[in-house]
């Protein structure tokens, strides 16, 4: 999808989306792309290598962790922010750089979480 001519993309606005369910993955990508983010979609973590060069953030469905047997700590390696989509938020210590968002996603929950995860919120594309 090409951004409309009136949109301005700021540097490093690529979001990696990892979700085993194709329909869910494409839906997540659509929502983020509509906000002006560039997206890279993957069905599992090893394919994504968790990070793609130039990505500013990753959105990961917790089911990808289960399917791939990847420990939660691996998601935040490298210090870049991760938004983890969970069925239920459990009490416990949150890892640095990890934001939890409960499914089902309502309203702008996903977009707001991605935007808030970026330093100074500077990575969010803006329209004029």
C-alpha atoms as a PDB file:
ATOM      1  CA  UNK A   1       0.000   0.000   0.000  1.00  0.00           C
ATOM      2  CA  UNK A   2       1.362   3.397  -0.954  1.00  0.00           C
ATOM      3  CA  UNK A   3       0.978   6.323   1.394  1.00  0.00           C
ATOM      4  CA  UNK A   4      -1.251   9.145   0.156  1.00  0.00           C
ATOM      5  CA  UNK A   5       0.596  12.185  -1.183  1.00  0.00           C
ATOM      6  CA  UNK A   6      -0.484  14.252   1.835  1.00  0.00           C
ATOM      7  CA  UNK A   7       1.248  11.888   4.298  1.00  0.00           C
ATOM      8  CA  UNK A   8       4.742  12.432   5.584  1.00  0.00           C
ATOM      9  CA  UNK A   9       6.654   9.429   6.848  1.00  0.00           C
ATOM     10  CA  UNK A  10       9.274  10.035   9.459  1.00  0.00           C
ATOM     11  CA  UNK A  11      12.444   7.906   9.468  1.00  0.00           C
ATOM     12  CA  UNK A  12      12.316   4.407  10.917  1.00  0.00           C
ATOM     13  CA  UNK A  13       8.568   3.902  10.833  1.00  0.00           C
ATOM     14  CA  UNK A  14       8.665   0.215   9.926  1.00  0.00           C
ATOM     15  CA  UNK A  15       6.753  -2.008  12.317  1.00  0.00           C
ATOM     16  CA  UNK A  16       7.344  -5.757  12.362  1.00  0.00           C
ATOM     17  CA  UNK A  17       4.098  -7.688  12.907  1.00  0.00           C
ATOM     18  CA  UNK A  18       4.322 -11.333  14.003  1.00  0.00           C
ATOM     19  CA  UNK A  19       1.169 -13.431  14.343  1.00  0.00           C
ATOM     20  CA  UNK A  20       0.578 -17.089  13.386  1.00  0.00           C
ATOM     21  CA  UNK A  21      -3.022 -16.478  12.287  1.00  0.00           C
ATOM     22  CA  UNK A  22      -2.970 -15.014   8.769  1.00  0.00           C
ATOM     23  CA  UNK A  23      -6.245 -13.092   9.020  1.00  0.00           C
ATOM     24  CA  UNK A  24      -5.253 -11.542  12.353  1.00  0.00           C
ATOM     25  CA  UNK A  25      -1.745 -10.707  11.060  1.00  0.00           C
ATOM     26  CA  UNK A  26      -3.129  -9.005   7.948  1.00  0.00           C
ATOM     27  CA  UNK A  27      -5.688  -7.104  10.025  1.00  0.00           C
ATOM     28  CA  UNK A  28      -2.967  -5.799  12.334  1.00  0.00           C
ATOM     29  CA  UNK A  29      -0.908  -4.779   9.331  1.00  0.00           C
ATOM     30  CA  UNK A  30      -3.866  -2.993   7.748  1.00  0.00           C
ATOM     31  CA  UNK A  31      -4.543  -0.939  10.881  1.00  0.00           C
ATOM     32  CA  UNK A  32      -0.902   0.138  11.181  1.00  0.00           C
ATOM     33  CA  UNK A  33      -0.495   0.806   7.480  1.00  0.00           C
ATOM     34  CA  UNK A  34      -3.607   2.996   7.523  1.00  0.00           C
ATOM     35  CA  UNK A  35      -1.837   5.116  10.158  1.00  0.00           C
ATOM     36  CA  UNK A  36       1.171   5.583   7.869  1.00  0.00           C
ATOM     37  CA  UNK A  37       3.517   2.952   9.284  1.00  0.00           C
ATOM     38  CA  UNK A  38       5.433   0.715   6.943  1.00  0.00           C
ATOM     39  CA  UNK A  39       4.886  -2.898   7.915  1.00  0.00           C
ATOM     40  CA  UNK A  40       6.617  -6.250   7.580  1.00  0.00           C
ATOM     41  CA  UNK A  41       4.390  -9.251   8.265  1.00  0.00           C
ATOM     42  CA  UNK A  42       5.613 -12.628   9.539  1.00  0.00           C
ATOM     43  CA  UNK A  43       3.829 -15.760  10.651  1.00  0.00           C
ATOM     44  CA  UNK A  44       6.413 -16.743  13.238  1.00  0.00           C
ATOM     45  CA  UNK A  45       9.341 -15.297  15.138  1.00  0.00           C
ATOM     46  CA  UNK A  46      12.269 -17.170  13.547  1.00  0.00           C
ATOM     47  CA  UNK A  47      11.198 -15.837  10.131  1.00  0.00           C
ATOM     48  CA  UNK A  48      11.170 -12.340  11.574  1.00  0.00           C
ATOM     49  CA  UNK A  49      14.381 -12.913  13.484  1.00  0.00           C
ATOM     50  CA  UNK A  50      12.355 -10.779  15.933  1.00  0.00           C
ATOM     51  CA  UNK A  51      13.848  -7.723  14.224  1.00  0.00           C
ATOM     52  CA  UNK A  52      14.104  -6.520  10.674  1.00  0.00           C
ATOM     53  CA  UNK A  53      16.717  -3.917   9.792  1.00  0.00           C
ATOM     54  CA  UNK A  54      15.239  -0.440  10.121  1.00  0.00           C
ATOM     55  CA  UNK A  55      12.237  -1.529  12.201  1.00  0.00           C
ATOM     56  CA  UNK A  56      11.279   0.852  14.992  1.00  0.00           C
ATOM     57  CA  UNK A  57       8.929  -1.493  16.842  1.00  0.00           C
ATOM     58  CA  UNK A  58       7.543  -5.022  16.800  1.00  0.00           C
ATOM     59  CA  UNK A  59       3.968  -6.099  17.414  1.00  0.00           C
ATOM     60  CA  UNK A  60       3.886  -9.753  18.469  1.00  0.00           C
ATOM     61  CA  UNK A  61       0.875 -11.947  19.173  1.00  0.00           C
ATOM     62  CA  UNK A  62       1.597 -14.064  22.262  1.00  0.00           C
ATOM     63  CA  UNK A  63       0.534 -17.126  20.249  1.00  0.00           C
ATOM     64  CA  UNK A  64       3.745 -16.722  18.219  1.00  0.00           C
ATOM     65  CA  UNK A  65       5.746 -17.271  21.417  1.00  0.00           C
ATOM     66  CA  UNK A  66       3.790 -20.448  22.138  1.00  0.00           C
ATOM     67  CA  UNK A  67       4.034 -21.821  18.582  1.00  0.00           C
ATOM     68  CA  UNK A  68       7.748 -21.074  18.242  1.00  0.00           C
ATOM     69  CA  UNK A  69       8.757 -21.867  21.832  1.00  0.00           C
ATOM     70  CA  UNK A  70      10.561 -18.541  22.131  1.00  0.00           C
ATOM     71  CA  UNK A  71      11.135 -17.149  25.630  1.00  0.00           C
ATOM     72  CA  UNK A  72       9.596 -13.772  26.357  1.00  0.00           C
ATOM     73  CA  UNK A  73      13.018 -12.316  27.234  1.00  0.00           C
ATOM     74  CA  UNK A  74      14.175 -12.815  23.634  1.00  0.00           C
ATOM     75  CA  UNK A  75      11.636 -10.286  22.378  1.00  0.00           C
ATOM     76  CA  UNK A  76      13.312  -7.327  24.020  1.00  0.00           C
ATOM     77  CA  UNK A  77      16.882  -8.223  23.016  1.00  0.00           C
ATOM     78  CA  UNK A  78      18.448  -5.280  21.262  1.00  0.00           C
ATOM     79  CA  UNK A  79      16.518  -2.712  23.274  1.00  0.00           C
ATOM     80  CA  UNK A  80      13.869  -1.891  20.689  1.00  0.00           C
ATOM     81  CA  UNK A  81      10.236  -1.643  21.836  1.00  0.00           C
ATOM     82  CA  UNK A  82       7.810  -4.548  21.547  1.00  0.00           C
ATOM     83  CA  UNK A  83       4.034  -4.492  21.842  1.00  0.00           C
ATOM     84  CA  UNK A  84       2.896  -7.938  22.971  1.00  0.00           C
ATOM     85  CA  UNK A  85      -0.732  -8.802  22.268  1.00  0.00           C
ATOM     86  CA  UNK A  86      -2.109 -11.019  25.028  1.00  0.00           C
ATOM     87  CA  UNK A  87      -5.408 -12.733  25.761  1.00  0.00           C
ATOM     88  CA  UNK A  88      -5.174 -11.676  29.380  1.00  0.00           C
ATOM     89  CA  UNK A  89      -2.788  -9.379  31.209  1.00  0.00           C
ATOM     90  CA  UNK A  90      -1.259 -11.232  34.127  1.00  0.00           C
ATOM     91  CA  UNK A  91       0.256  -9.592  37.177  1.00  0.00           C
ATOM     92  CA  UNK A  92       3.997  -9.698  37.268  1.00  0.00           C
ATOM     93  CA  UNK A  93       7.087  -7.728  36.402  1.00  0.00           C
ATOM     94  CA  UNK A  94       7.085  -6.193  32.941  1.00  0.00           C
ATOM     95  CA  UNK A  95      10.258  -6.386  30.905  1.00  0.00           C
ATOM     96  CA  UNK A  96      11.837  -3.096  29.879  1.00  0.00           C
ATOM     97  CA  UNK A  97      10.695  -2.084  26.408  1.00  0.00           C
ATOM     98  CA  UNK A  98       7.700  -4.420  26.495  1.00  0.00           C
ATOM     99  CA  UNK A  99       4.146  -3.079  26.362  1.00  0.00           C
ATOM    100  CA  UNK A 100       1.234  -5.437  26.929  1.00  0.00           C
ATOM    101  CA  UNK A 101      -2.031  -4.913  25.065  1.00  0.00           C
ATOM    102  CA  UNK A 102      -5.027  -7.086  25.827  1.00  0.00           C
ATOM    103  CA  UNK A 103      -7.078  -8.646  23.050  1.00  0.00           C
ATOM    104  CA  UNK A 104      -9.591  -8.075  21.639  1.00  0.00           C
ATOM    105  CA  UNK A 105      -8.187  -4.823  20.344  1.00  0.00           C
ATOM    106  CA  UNK A 106     -10.657  -2.000  20.697  1.00  0.00           C
ATOM    107  CA  UNK A 107     -10.534   1.438  19.111  1.00  0.00           C
ATOM    108  CA  UNK A 108      -7.029   2.824  18.704  1.00  0.00           C
ATOM    109  CA  UNK A 109      -5.474   0.570  21.339  1.00  0.00           C
ATOM    110  CA  UNK A 110      -2.878  -0.933  18.986  1.00  0.00           C
ATOM    111  CA  UNK A 111      -1.948   2.333  17.272  1.00  0.00           C
ATOM    112  CA  UNK A 112      -1.670   4.150  20.597  1.00  0.00           C
ATOM    113  CA  UNK A 113       0.516   1.377  22.060  1.00  0.00           C
ATOM    114  CA  UNK A 114       2.880   1.450  19.074  1.00  0.00           C
ATOM    115  CA  UNK A 115       3.064   5.238  19.135  1.00  0.00           C
ATOM    116  CA  UNK A 116       3.656   5.326  22.906  1.00  0.00           C
ATOM    117  CA  UNK A 117       6.419   2.720  22.660  1.00  0.00           C
ATOM    118  CA  UNK A 118       8.537   4.932  20.427  1.00  0.00           C
ATOM    119  CA  UNK A 119      10.997   7.326  22.053  1.00  0.00           C
ATOM    120  CA  UNK A 120       9.361  10.698  22.418  1.00  0.00           C
ATOM    121  CA  UNK A 121       6.540   9.411  20.248  1.00  0.00           C
ATOM    122  CA  UNK A 122       8.655  10.734  17.370  1.00  0.00           C
ATOM    123  CA  UNK A 123       8.296   7.663  15.202  1.00  0.00           C
ATOM    124  CA  UNK A 124       4.580   7.991  14.557  1.00  0.00           C
ATOM    125  CA  UNK A 125       3.820   9.101  11.030  1.00  0.00           C
ATOM    126  CA  UNK A 126       1.857  12.303  10.774  1.00  0.00           C
ATOM    127  CA  UNK A 127      -0.442  13.661   8.107  1.00  0.00           C
ATOM    128  CA  UNK A 128      -0.743  17.255   7.045  1.00  0.00           C
END
